[in-house]
Amino acid sequence: MPRYCFSLQVRPDRMDEYAERHRAVWPEMLAALAETGWRNYSLFLRNDGLLIGYVEADDLTAAQAAMDATDVNARWQAEMAAYFTGIDGQAPDQGFVQLDEVFNLDDQLNRVHAESNSDD
């Protein structure tokens, strides 16, 4: 399963409100995310507003496009846009910076295991 990580910057003066909004995401938004292929999706917020997101999806571009086609996502992104800096008028789910994965424990352990089995 492909893994994706991204970052955004939450306005420092809106961090508490942003976190509160995510304690009770609209049920229809949650359903849309699940239905469009977003799995194991988490957001982490640092005390200076740095937001790190992690999601697994077969194809993140396709999952984003499927969400773009939903009315609930348009409403959610419109409400969330005011919480962020540096997205230059984009919706937050389109304005994030995707990060490159440089290490994954399971991948490394699987590689080592496969190499040790091929030596037998």
C-alpha atoms as a PDB file:
ATOM      1  CA  MET A   1       0.000   0.000   0.000  1.00  0.00           C
ATOM      2  CA  PRO A   2       1.560   3.324  -1.016  1.00  0.00           C
ATOM      3  CA  ARG A   3       2.131   5.747   1.859  1.00  0.00           C
ATOM      4  CA  TYR A   4       2.013   9.518   1.533  1.00  0.00           C
ATOM      5  CA  CYS A   5       3.125  12.251   3.901  1.00  0.00           C
ATOM      6  CA  PHE A   6       2.526  15.953   3.495  1.00  0.00           C
ATOM      7  CA  SER A   7       2.915  19.230   5.347  1.00  0.00           C
ATOM      8  CA  LEU A   8       0.928  22.412   5.696  1.00  0.00           C
ATOM      9  CA  GLN A   9       1.228  25.409   7.992  1.00  0.00           C
ATOM     10  CA  VAL A  10      -1.676  26.224  10.306  1.00  0.00           C
ATOM     11  CA  ARG A  11      -1.940  29.837  11.410  1.00  0.00           C
ATOM     12  CA  PRO A  12      -0.589  29.963  14.978  1.00  0.00           C
ATOM     13  CA  ASP A  13      -3.567  32.028  16.173  1.00  0.00           C
ATOM     14  CA  ARG A  14      -6.018  29.408  14.795  1.00  0.00           C
ATOM     15  CA  MET A  15      -4.357  26.174  15.989  1.00  0.00           C
ATOM     16  CA  ASP A  16      -6.713  25.490  18.910  1.00  0.00           C
ATOM     17  CA  GLU A  17      -9.770  26.062  16.746  1.00  0.00           C
ATOM     18  CA  TYR A  18      -8.295  23.914  13.950  1.00  0.00           C
ATOM     19  CA  ALA A  19      -7.669  21.032  16.360  1.00  0.00           C
ATOM     20  CA  GLU A  20     -11.176  21.399  17.794  1.00  0.00           C
ATOM     21  CA  ARG A  21     -12.725  21.207  14.310  1.00  0.00           C
ATOM     22  CA  HIS A  22     -10.888  17.918  13.747  1.00  0.00           C
ATOM     23  CA  ARG A  23     -12.220  16.356  16.946  1.00  0.00           C
ATOM     24  CA  ALA A  24     -15.636  16.191  15.286  1.00  0.00           C
ATOM     25  CA  VAL A  25     -15.232  16.008  11.511  1.00  0.00           C
ATOM     26  CA  TRP A  26     -18.582  15.878   9.728  1.00  0.00           C
ATOM     27  CA  PRO A  27     -19.769  12.261   9.375  1.00  0.00           C
ATOM     28  CA  GLU A  28     -20.385  12.776   5.649  1.00  0.00           C
ATOM     29  CA  MET A  29     -16.781  13.996   5.239  1.00  0.00           C
ATOM     30  CA  LEU A  30     -15.484  10.927   7.045  1.00  0.00           C
ATOM     31  CA  ALA A  31     -17.610   8.691   4.821  1.00  0.00           C
ATOM     32  CA  ALA A  32     -16.415  10.454   1.654  1.00  0.00           C
ATOM     33  CA  LEU A  33     -12.765  10.019   2.630  1.00  0.00           C
ATOM     34  CA  ALA A  34     -13.270   6.302   3.261  1.00  0.00           C
ATOM     35  CA  GLU A  35     -15.283   5.837   0.056  1.00  0.00           C
ATOM     36  CA  THR A  36     -12.671   7.580  -2.106  1.00  0.00           C
ATOM     37  CA  GLY A  37      -9.743   5.479  -0.924  1.00  0.00           C
ATOM     38  CA  TRP A  38      -8.156   7.453   1.919  1.00  0.00           C
ATOM     39  CA  ARG A  39      -6.964   4.917   4.499  1.00  0.00           C
ATOM     40  CA  ASN A  40      -5.024   5.150   7.746  1.00  0.00           C
ATOM     41  CA  TYR A  41      -5.253   8.949   7.489  1.00  0.00           C
ATOM     42  CA  SER A  42      -3.779  10.959  10.369  1.00  0.00           C
ATOM     43  CA  LEU A  43      -2.892  14.583  11.025  1.00  0.00           C
ATOM     44  CA  PHE A  44      -0.250  15.730  13.517  1.00  0.00           C
ATOM     45  CA  LEU A  45       0.053  19.351  14.676  1.00  0.00           C
ATOM     46  CA  ARG A  46       3.230  20.808  16.149  1.00  0.00           C
ATOM     47  CA  ASN A  47       3.039  23.704  18.613  1.00  0.00           C
ATOM     48  CA  ASP A  48       4.258  26.194  15.979  1.00  0.00           C
ATOM     49  CA  GLY A  49       1.496  25.247  13.530  1.00  0.00           C
ATOM     50  CA  LEU A  50       3.390  22.760  11.385  1.00  0.00           C
ATOM     51  CA  LEU A  51       0.845  20.180  10.284  1.00  0.00           C
ATOM     52  CA  ILE A  52       2.020  16.780   9.087  1.00  0.00           C
ATOM     53  CA  GLY A  53      -0.428  14.469   7.385  1.00  0.00           C
ATOM     54  CA  TYR A  54      -0.066  10.762   6.670  1.00  0.00           C
ATOM     55  CA  VAL A  55      -2.342   8.735   4.438  1.00  0.00           C
ATOM     56  CA  GLU A  56      -2.300   5.437   2.632  1.00  0.00           C
ATOM     57  CA  ALA A  57      -4.016   5.164  -0.751  1.00  0.00           C
ATOM     58  CA  ASP A  58      -3.693   3.046  -3.840  1.00  0.00           C
ATOM     59  CA  ASP A  59      -3.229   6.294  -5.788  1.00  0.00           C
ATOM     60  CA  LEU A  60      -3.260   9.623  -3.954  1.00  0.00           C
ATOM     61  CA  THR A  61      -3.931  11.620  -7.115  1.00  0.00           C
ATOM     62  CA  ALA A  62      -6.995   9.479  -7.863  1.00  0.00           C
ATOM     63  CA  ALA A  63      -8.162   9.704  -4.234  1.00  0.00           C
ATOM     64  CA  GLN A  64      -7.824  13.495  -4.343  1.00  0.00           C
ATOM     65  CA  ALA A  65      -9.723  13.672  -7.647  1.00  0.00           C
ATOM     66  CA  ALA A  66     -12.514  11.524  -6.220  1.00  0.00           C
ATOM     67  CA  MET A  67     -12.761  13.808  -3.188  1.00  0.00           C
ATOM     68  CA  ASP A  68     -12.771  16.877  -5.461  1.00  0.00           C
ATOM     69  CA  ALA A  69     -15.915  15.487  -7.061  1.00  0.00           C
ATOM     70  CA  THR A  70     -17.817  15.516  -3.762  1.00  0.00           C
ATOM     71  CA  ASP A  71     -19.878  18.424  -2.504  1.00  0.00           C
ATOM     72  CA  VAL A  72     -18.875  17.782   1.101  1.00  0.00           C
ATOM     73  CA  ASN A  73     -15.179  18.179   0.278  1.00  0.00           C
ATOM     74  CA  ALA A  74     -15.781  21.527  -1.423  1.00  0.00           C
ATOM     75  CA  ARG A  75     -17.626  22.766   1.673  1.00  0.00           C
ATOM     76  CA  TRP A  76     -14.986  21.389   4.078  1.00  0.00           C
ATOM     77  CA  GLN A  77     -12.023  22.802   2.138  1.00  0.00           C
ATOM     78  CA  ALA A  78     -13.713  26.219   1.899  1.00  0.00           C
ATOM     79  CA  GLU A  79     -14.110  26.287   5.681  1.00  0.00           C
ATOM     80  CA  MET A  80     -10.591  24.984   6.359  1.00  0.00           C
ATOM     81  CA  ALA A  81      -8.746  27.358   3.997  1.00  0.00           C
ATOM     82  CA  ALA A  82      -8.802  30.199   6.530  1.00  0.00           C
ATOM     83  CA  TYR A  83      -6.739  28.131   8.969  1.00  0.00           C
ATOM     84  CA  PHE A  84      -3.663  27.886   6.707  1.00  0.00           C
ATOM     85  CA  THR A  85      -0.820  30.063   5.480  1.00  0.00           C
ATOM     86  CA  GLY A  86       1.213  29.543   2.337  1.00  0.00           C
ATOM     87  CA  ILE A  87      -1.398  27.808   0.186  1.00  0.00           C
ATOM     88  CA  ASP A  88      -1.791  30.772  -2.191  1.00  0.00           C
ATOM     89  CA  GLY A  89      -5.532  30.541  -2.673  1.00  0.00           C
ATOM     90  CA  GLN A  90      -5.549  26.780  -3.177  1.00  0.00           C
ATOM     91  CA  ALA A  91      -7.767  24.432  -1.236  1.00  0.00           C
ATOM     92  CA  PRO A  92      -5.761  22.921   1.631  1.00  0.00           C
ATOM     93  CA  ASP A  93      -6.016  19.415   0.164  1.00  0.00           C
ATOM     94  CA  GLN A  94      -4.387  20.716  -3.037  1.00  0.00           C
ATOM     95  CA  GLY A  95      -1.903  23.140  -1.463  1.00  0.00           C
ATOM     96  CA  PHE A  96       0.079  20.775   0.707  1.00  0.00           C
ATOM     97  CA  VAL A  97       3.728  19.890   0.178  1.00  0.00           C
ATOM     98  CA  GLN A  98       4.208  16.165  -0.324  1.00  0.00           C
ATOM     99  CA  LEU A  99       7.249  14.747   1.481  1.00  0.00           C
ATOM    100  CA  ASP A 100       9.519  11.971   0.203  1.00  0.00           C
ATOM    101  CA  GLU A 101       9.729   8.851   2.322  1.00  0.00           C
ATOM    102  CA  VAL A 102      13.350   8.064   3.151  1.00  0.00           C
ATOM    103  CA  PHE A 103      12.890   5.230   5.658  1.00  0.00           C
ATOM    104  CA  ASN A 104      10.266   2.657   6.564  1.00  0.00           C
ATOM    105  CA  LEU A 105      10.992   0.010   9.178  1.00  0.00           C
ATOM    106  CA  ASP A 106       8.713  -2.663   7.705  1.00  0.00           C
ATOM    107  CA  ASP A 107      10.187  -2.220   4.215  1.00  0.00           C
ATOM    108  CA  GLN A 108      13.724  -2.499   5.557  1.00  0.00           C
ATOM    109  CA  LEU A 109      12.943  -5.540   7.699  1.00  0.00           C
ATOM    110  CA  ASN A 110      11.222  -7.249   4.755  1.00  0.00           C
ATOM    111  CA  ARG A 111      14.257  -6.551   2.551  1.00  0.00           C
ATOM    112  CA  VAL A 112      16.666  -7.950   5.154  1.00  0.00           C
ATOM    113  CA  HIS A 113      14.433 -10.993   5.658  1.00  0.00           C
ATOM    114  CA  ALA A 114      14.221 -11.614   1.897  1.00  0.00           C
ATOM    115  CA  GLU A 115      17.992 -11.275   1.521  1.00  0.00           C
ATOM    116  CA  SER A 116      18.653 -13.700   4.373  1.00  0.00           C
ATOM    117  CA  ASN A 117      16.225 -16.232   2.875  1.00  0.00           C
ATOM    118  CA  SER A 118      17.871 -15.972  -0.554  1.00  0.00           C
ATOM    119  CA  ASP A 119      21.252 -16.805   1.026  1.00  0.00           C
ATOM    120  CA  ASP A 120      19.954 -20.191   2.211  1.00  0.00           C
END
